[in-house]
Amino acid sequence: MNLSVKWPLDRFPYLQHPDSRPFGPGLASGSYVFVQAEDGRIWVLVETEGHLHPKVLGEAKPALAAGGVQVGIGGVVLEIDNFSGTFQFDAGVLPGVLRALQSQGGQVSSTREVGFDHD
């Protein structure tokens, strides 16, 4: 498991997007970008446009992981990936992301049922 932080390649100090929030079971179903903060918490933002990863935490903060997450009804994690041009983590971060999502209330019955989409 990769626990080292990466600084965003785009070091502009964007403000944190006002809709960025910690992942939780009350999240509406849909596609989100995520960034895992240094404290291990996963923050998400609805995927509405490109280049959102540096705005999830804002202020050019480093991350433990970044990518996308597909959420189903009731906070069920359907798929996670490591696609982020801003942070460029390898797929080795995905198991830790899945554990963090579960610790924040995400429902996952088995890692075999979650689609891991990566390089």
N, C-alpha and C. Protein backbone atom coordinates (compact mmCIF):
# COMPACT_ATOMS: atom_id res chain seq x y z
N MET A 1 0.84 -1.18 0.00
CA MET A 1 0.00 0.00 0.00
C MET A 1 0.89 1.25 0.00
N ASN A 2 0.52 2.21 -0.84
CA ASN A 2 1.28 3.45 -0.97
C ASN A 2 0.70 4.50 -0.03
N LEU A 3 1.45 4.90 0.98
CA LEU A 3 0.96 5.90 1.93
C LEU A 3 1.72 7.21 1.83
N SER A 4 2.45 7.42 0.76
CA SER A 4 3.17 8.68 0.63
C SER A 4 2.30 9.70 -0.10
N VAL A 5 2.42 10.94 0.35
CA VAL A 5 1.61 12.00 -0.25
C VAL A 5 2.25 12.48 -1.54
N LYS A 6 1.41 13.02 -2.39
CA LYS A 6 1.87 13.68 -3.62
C LYS A 6 1.29 15.08 -3.62
N TRP A 7 2.11 15.99 -4.08
CA TRP A 7 1.65 17.36 -4.29
C TRP A 7 1.00 17.42 -5.66
N PRO A 8 -0.01 18.26 -5.85
CA PRO A 8 -0.63 18.36 -7.17
C PRO A 8 0.36 18.91 -8.19
N LEU A 9 0.27 18.41 -9.41
CA LEU A 9 1.13 18.93 -10.47
C LEU A 9 0.78 20.38 -10.78
N ASP A 10 -0.49 20.71 -10.66
CA ASP A 10 -0.95 22.08 -10.83
C ASP A 10 -0.92 22.72 -9.44
N ARG A 11 0.10 23.52 -9.16
CA ARG A 11 0.30 24.07 -7.82
C ARG A 11 -0.43 25.41 -7.60
N PHE A 12 -1.31 25.78 -8.51
CA PHE A 12 -2.09 27.00 -8.30
C PHE A 12 -2.95 26.82 -7.07
N PRO A 13 -3.01 27.80 -6.17
CA PRO A 13 -3.78 27.63 -4.93
C PRO A 13 -5.28 27.89 -5.09
N TYR A 14 -5.93 27.02 -5.89
CA TYR A 14 -7.39 27.14 -6.06
C TYR A 14 -8.07 27.13 -4.70
N LEU A 15 -9.18 27.84 -4.59
CA LEU A 15 -10.01 27.72 -3.41
C LEU A 15 -10.68 26.36 -3.42
N GLN A 16 -10.98 25.84 -2.25
CA GLN A 16 -11.72 24.58 -2.19
C GLN A 16 -13.11 24.84 -2.79
N HIS A 17 -13.53 23.95 -3.68
CA HIS A 17 -14.84 24.09 -4.32
C HIS A 17 -15.92 24.08 -3.24
N PRO A 18 -16.92 24.98 -3.33
CA PRO A 18 -17.94 25.05 -2.27
C PRO A 18 -18.78 23.77 -2.12
N ASP A 19 -18.81 22.94 -3.15
CA ASP A 19 -19.58 21.70 -3.07
C ASP A 19 -18.74 20.49 -2.65
N SER A 20 -17.45 20.69 -2.42
CA SER A 20 -16.59 19.61 -1.95
C SER A 20 -17.00 19.24 -0.54
N ARG A 21 -17.06 17.93 -0.27
CA ARG A 21 -17.48 17.47 1.06
C ARG A 21 -16.87 16.12 1.36
N PRO A 22 -16.79 15.77 2.63
CA PRO A 22 -16.31 14.42 2.97
C PRO A 22 -17.30 13.37 2.45
N PHE A 23 -16.76 12.25 1.99
CA PHE A 23 -17.61 11.15 1.57
C PHE A 23 -18.42 10.67 2.77
N GLY A 24 -19.66 10.30 2.54
CA GLY A 24 -20.50 9.79 3.61
C GLY A 24 -21.70 9.04 3.06
N PRO A 25 -22.42 8.32 3.92
CA PRO A 25 -23.54 7.49 3.48
C PRO A 25 -24.70 8.29 2.91
N GLY A 26 -24.81 9.58 3.19
CA GLY A 26 -25.90 10.39 2.67
C GLY A 26 -25.65 10.94 1.27
N LEU A 27 -24.55 10.53 0.65
CA LEU A 27 -24.19 11.03 -0.66
C LEU A 27 -25.18 10.53 -1.72
N ALA A 28 -25.61 11.41 -2.59
CA ALA A 28 -26.50 11.02 -3.69
C ALA A 28 -25.76 10.12 -4.66
N SER A 29 -26.47 9.24 -5.31
CA SER A 29 -25.83 8.37 -6.30
C SER A 29 -25.32 9.21 -7.46
N GLY A 30 -24.21 8.78 -8.06
CA GLY A 30 -23.63 9.49 -9.19
C GLY A 30 -22.14 9.31 -9.29
N SER A 31 -21.54 10.08 -10.19
CA SER A 31 -20.09 10.04 -10.43
C SER A 31 -19.42 11.21 -9.73
N TYR A 32 -18.36 10.90 -9.00
CA TYR A 32 -17.63 11.90 -8.23
C TYR A 32 -16.13 11.78 -8.51
N VAL A 33 -15.43 12.90 -8.36
CA VAL A 33 -13.98 12.84 -8.24
C VAL A 33 -13.71 12.81 -6.75
N PHE A 34 -12.61 12.18 -6.36
CA PHE A 34 -12.26 12.13 -4.94
C PHE A 34 -10.80 12.48 -4.76
N VAL A 35 -10.49 12.97 -3.59
CA VAL A 35 -9.11 13.16 -3.16
C VAL A 35 -9.04 12.70 -1.71
N GLN A 36 -8.03 11.89 -1.41
CA GLN A 36 -7.82 11.46 -0.03
C GLN A 36 -6.81 12.40 0.61
N ALA A 37 -7.27 13.14 1.62
CA ALA A 37 -6.43 14.11 2.32
C ALA A 37 -5.35 13.40 3.15
N GLU A 38 -4.39 14.16 3.59
CA GLU A 38 -3.29 13.61 4.40
C GLU A 38 -3.78 12.91 5.66
N ASP A 39 -4.91 13.33 6.20
CA ASP A 39 -5.44 12.69 7.40
C ASP A 39 -6.19 11.40 7.10
N GLY A 40 -6.26 11.02 5.83
CA GLY A 40 -6.90 9.77 5.43
C GLY A 40 -8.35 9.91 5.01
N ARG A 41 -8.95 11.05 5.27
CA ARG A 41 -10.36 11.26 4.92
C ARG A 41 -10.52 11.47 3.41
N ILE A 42 -11.55 10.86 2.85
CA ILE A 42 -11.87 11.00 1.44
C ILE A 42 -12.85 12.16 1.26
N TRP A 43 -12.50 13.10 0.39
CA TRP A 43 -13.35 14.23 0.02
C TRP A 43 -13.82 14.01 -1.41
N VAL A 44 -15.06 14.37 -1.69
CA VAL A 44 -15.63 14.15 -3.02
C VAL A 44 -16.27 15.42 -3.57
N LEU A 45 -16.42 15.41 -4.89
CA LEU A 45 -17.06 16.51 -5.60
C LEU A 45 -17.72 15.90 -6.83
N VAL A 46 -18.98 16.26 -7.07
CA VAL A 46 -19.69 15.74 -8.24
C VAL A 46 -18.87 16.05 -9.49
N GLU A 47 -18.72 15.05 -10.34
CA GLU A 47 -17.94 15.20 -11.56
C GLU A 47 -18.79 15.91 -12.61
N THR A 48 -18.59 17.21 -12.76
CA THR A 48 -19.37 18.01 -13.69
C THR A 48 -18.54 18.56 -14.84
N GLU A 49 -17.24 18.59 -14.65
CA GLU A 49 -16.33 19.17 -15.64
C GLU A 49 -14.94 18.60 -15.38
N GLY A 50 -13.99 18.97 -16.21
CA GLY A 50 -12.63 18.51 -16.03
C GLY A 50 -11.86 19.35 -15.03
N HIS A 51 -10.72 18.88 -14.66
CA HIS A 51 -9.75 19.56 -13.79
C HIS A 51 -10.34 19.95 -12.43
N LEU A 52 -11.03 19.02 -11.80
CA LEU A 52 -11.64 19.28 -10.49
C LEU A 52 -10.78 18.82 -9.32
N HIS A 53 -9.87 17.86 -9.54
CA HIS A 53 -9.09 17.32 -8.43
C HIS A 53 -8.37 18.38 -7.59
N PRO A 54 -7.75 19.41 -8.21
CA PRO A 54 -7.06 20.39 -7.34
C PRO A 54 -8.02 21.26 -6.54
N LYS A 55 -9.31 21.22 -6.87
CA LYS A 55 -10.30 22.04 -6.18
C LYS A 55 -11.05 21.28 -5.10
N VAL A 56 -10.83 19.97 -5.01
CA VAL A 56 -11.51 19.17 -3.99
C VAL A 56 -11.02 19.56 -2.60
N LEU A 57 -9.71 19.63 -2.42
CA LEU A 57 -9.14 20.09 -1.14
C LEU A 57 -8.79 21.57 -1.20
N GLY A 58 -8.38 22.03 -2.36
CA GLY A 58 -7.99 23.42 -2.54
C GLY A 58 -6.63 23.74 -1.97
N GLU A 59 -6.17 24.96 -2.21
CA GLU A 59 -4.91 25.49 -1.67
C GLU A 59 -3.68 24.66 -2.04
N ALA A 60 -3.74 23.90 -3.14
CA ALA A 60 -2.61 23.07 -3.60
C ALA A 60 -2.12 22.09 -2.53
N LYS A 61 -3.07 21.57 -1.74
CA LYS A 61 -2.72 20.62 -0.67
C LYS A 61 -2.34 19.26 -1.26
N PRO A 62 -1.44 18.54 -0.59
CA PRO A 62 -1.05 17.21 -1.04
C PRO A 62 -2.15 16.18 -0.74
N ALA A 63 -2.02 15.02 -1.35
CA ALA A 63 -3.02 13.97 -1.19
C ALA A 63 -2.35 12.61 -1.06
N LEU A 64 -3.10 11.66 -0.48
CA LEU A 64 -2.67 10.26 -0.39
C LEU A 64 -3.16 9.46 -1.59
N ALA A 65 -4.25 9.93 -2.23
CA ALA A 65 -4.82 9.23 -3.39
C ALA A 65 -5.80 10.19 -4.06
N ALA A 66 -6.10 9.90 -5.31
CA ALA A 66 -7.08 10.71 -6.05
C ALA A 66 -7.59 9.87 -7.21
N GLY A 67 -8.82 10.16 -7.62
CA GLY A 67 -9.40 9.45 -8.75
C GLY A 67 -10.88 9.73 -8.84
N GLY A 68 -11.62 8.68 -9.21
CA GLY A 68 -13.05 8.79 -9.35
C GLY A 68 -13.76 7.70 -8.57
N VAL A 69 -14.98 7.97 -8.17
CA VAL A 69 -15.79 6.97 -7.47
C VAL A 69 -17.22 7.06 -8.00
N GLN A 70 -17.77 5.92 -8.30
CA GLN A 70 -19.15 5.80 -8.73
C GLN A 70 -19.95 5.31 -7.52
N VAL A 71 -20.95 6.07 -7.13
CA VAL A 71 -21.74 5.76 -5.94
C VAL A 71 -23.16 5.42 -6.35
N GLY A 72 -23.67 4.33 -5.79
CA GLY A 72 -25.05 3.92 -6.04
C GLY A 72 -25.96 4.37 -4.91
N ILE A 73 -27.16 3.94 -4.96
CA ILE A 73 -28.17 4.29 -3.96
C ILE A 73 -27.70 3.88 -2.57
N GLY A 74 -27.88 4.75 -1.59
CA GLY A 74 -27.52 4.46 -0.20
C GLY A 74 -26.04 4.48 0.09
N GLY A 75 -25.25 5.13 -0.77
CA GLY A 75 -23.81 5.21 -0.52
C GLY A 75 -23.05 3.96 -0.89
N VAL A 76 -23.64 3.09 -1.71
CA VAL A 76 -22.95 1.87 -2.14
C VAL A 76 -21.86 2.24 -3.15
N VAL A 77 -20.64 1.84 -2.87
CA VAL A 77 -19.52 2.11 -3.76
C VAL A 77 -19.53 1.07 -4.87
N LEU A 78 -19.75 1.55 -6.10
CA LEU A 78 -19.84 0.66 -7.25
C LEU A 78 -18.52 0.50 -7.99
N GLU A 79 -17.74 1.57 -8.04
CA GLU A 79 -16.49 1.55 -8.78
C GLU A 79 -15.58 2.65 -8.27
N ILE A 80 -14.28 2.37 -8.23
CA ILE A 80 -13.29 3.40 -7.94
C ILE A 80 -12.19 3.31 -8.97
N ASP A 81 -11.54 4.43 -9.23
CA ASP A 81 -10.40 4.43 -10.15
C ASP A 81 -9.36 5.42 -9.65
N ASN A 82 -8.21 5.40 -10.28
CA ASN A 82 -7.12 6.29 -9.90
C ASN A 82 -6.84 7.33 -10.99
N PHE A 83 -7.83 7.68 -11.78
CA PHE A 83 -7.65 8.62 -12.87
C PHE A 83 -7.64 10.06 -12.37
N SER A 84 -6.47 10.65 -12.36
CA SER A 84 -6.32 12.06 -11.98
C SER A 84 -5.06 12.59 -12.64
N GLY A 85 -5.23 13.51 -13.55
CA GLY A 85 -4.07 14.14 -14.17
C GLY A 85 -3.32 15.04 -13.20
N THR A 86 -4.00 15.47 -12.17
CA THR A 86 -3.41 16.38 -11.18
C THR A 86 -2.46 15.67 -10.22
N PHE A 87 -2.83 14.44 -9.79
CA PHE A 87 -2.03 13.74 -8.79
C PHE A 87 -1.31 12.51 -9.34
N GLN A 88 -1.89 11.79 -10.27
CA GLN A 88 -1.26 10.65 -10.94
C GLN A 88 -0.74 9.57 -10.00
N PHE A 89 -1.61 9.04 -9.16
CA PHE A 89 -1.27 7.90 -8.32
C PHE A 89 -1.41 6.61 -9.12
N ASP A 90 -0.62 5.59 -8.74
CA ASP A 90 -0.80 4.31 -9.40
C ASP A 90 -1.92 3.53 -8.71
N ALA A 91 -2.28 2.40 -9.28
CA ALA A 91 -3.41 1.61 -8.78
C ALA A 91 -3.17 1.04 -7.38
N GLY A 92 -1.95 1.08 -6.88
CA GLY A 92 -1.65 0.58 -5.54
C GLY A 92 -2.38 1.32 -4.43
N VAL A 93 -2.91 2.50 -4.72
CA VAL A 93 -3.63 3.26 -3.69
C VAL A 93 -5.08 2.79 -3.53
N LEU A 94 -5.61 2.06 -4.50
CA LEU A 94 -7.04 1.75 -4.50
C LEU A 94 -7.53 0.92 -3.31
N PRO A 95 -6.82 -0.11 -2.86
CA PRO A 95 -7.30 -0.83 -1.67
C PRO A 95 -7.43 0.07 -0.44
N GLY A 96 -6.49 1.00 -0.24
CA GLY A 96 -6.57 1.92 0.88
C GLY A 96 -7.73 2.90 0.73
N VAL A 97 -8.00 3.30 -0.50
CA VAL A 97 -9.15 4.18 -0.76
C VAL A 97 -10.44 3.45 -0.42
N LEU A 98 -10.54 2.22 -0.83
CA LEU A 98 -11.74 1.43 -0.54
C LEU A 98 -11.95 1.30 0.97
N ARG A 99 -10.89 1.02 1.71
CA ARG A 99 -11.00 0.92 3.17
C ARG A 99 -11.45 2.25 3.77
N ALA A 100 -10.89 3.36 3.27
CA ALA A 100 -11.28 4.67 3.78
C ALA A 100 -12.74 4.97 3.47
N LEU A 101 -13.19 4.62 2.28
CA LEU A 101 -14.60 4.83 1.93
C LEU A 101 -15.50 4.04 2.86
N GLN A 102 -15.11 2.81 3.15
CA GLN A 102 -15.90 1.98 4.07
C GLN A 102 -15.90 2.58 5.47
N SER A 103 -14.77 3.08 5.93
CA SER A 103 -14.71 3.66 7.28
C SER A 103 -15.52 4.94 7.38
N GLN A 104 -15.80 5.57 6.24
CA GLN A 104 -16.61 6.78 6.22
C GLN A 104 -18.08 6.48 5.89
N GLY A 105 -18.46 5.21 5.95
CA GLY A 105 -19.86 4.84 5.79
C GLY A 105 -20.24 4.27 4.45
N GLY A 106 -19.28 4.13 3.54
CA GLY A 106 -19.57 3.52 2.24
C GLY A 106 -19.90 2.05 2.40
N GLN A 107 -20.84 1.57 1.66
CA GLN A 107 -21.25 0.17 1.72
C GLN A 107 -20.57 -0.60 0.59
N VAL A 108 -19.80 -1.60 0.94
CA VAL A 108 -19.16 -2.47 -0.04
C VAL A 108 -19.24 -3.87 0.53
N SER A 109 -19.92 -4.77 -0.17
CA SER A 109 -20.06 -6.12 0.36
C SER A 109 -18.81 -6.97 0.09
N SER A 110 -18.11 -6.70 -1.01
CA SER A 110 -16.91 -7.47 -1.34
C SER A 110 -16.09 -6.69 -2.36
N THR A 111 -14.76 -6.72 -2.22
CA THR A 111 -13.93 -6.03 -3.20
C THR A 111 -14.07 -6.66 -4.58
N ARG A 112 -14.51 -7.91 -4.65
CA ARG A 112 -14.74 -8.53 -5.96
C ARG A 112 -15.92 -7.90 -6.68
N GLU A 113 -16.83 -7.31 -5.90
CA GLU A 113 -18.01 -6.69 -6.51
C GLU A 113 -17.75 -5.25 -6.91
N VAL A 114 -16.70 -4.66 -6.41
CA VAL A 114 -16.37 -3.27 -6.77
C VAL A 114 -15.51 -3.29 -8.01
N GLY A 115 -15.88 -2.48 -8.99
CA GLY A 115 -15.07 -2.39 -10.21
C GLY A 115 -13.86 -1.52 -9.96
N PHE A 116 -12.67 -2.11 -10.00
CA PHE A 116 -11.44 -1.34 -9.90
C PHE A 116 -11.04 -0.99 -11.32
N ASP A 117 -11.05 0.25 -11.64
CA ASP A 117 -10.71 0.69 -12.98
C ASP A 117 -9.41 1.48 -12.89
N HIS A 118 -8.34 0.96 -13.45
CA HIS A 118 -7.04 1.63 -13.31
C HIS A 118 -6.16 1.34 -14.50
N ASP A 119 -4.96 1.92 -14.47
CA ASP A 119 -3.96 1.76 -15.58
C ASP A 119 -3.59 0.31 -15.75
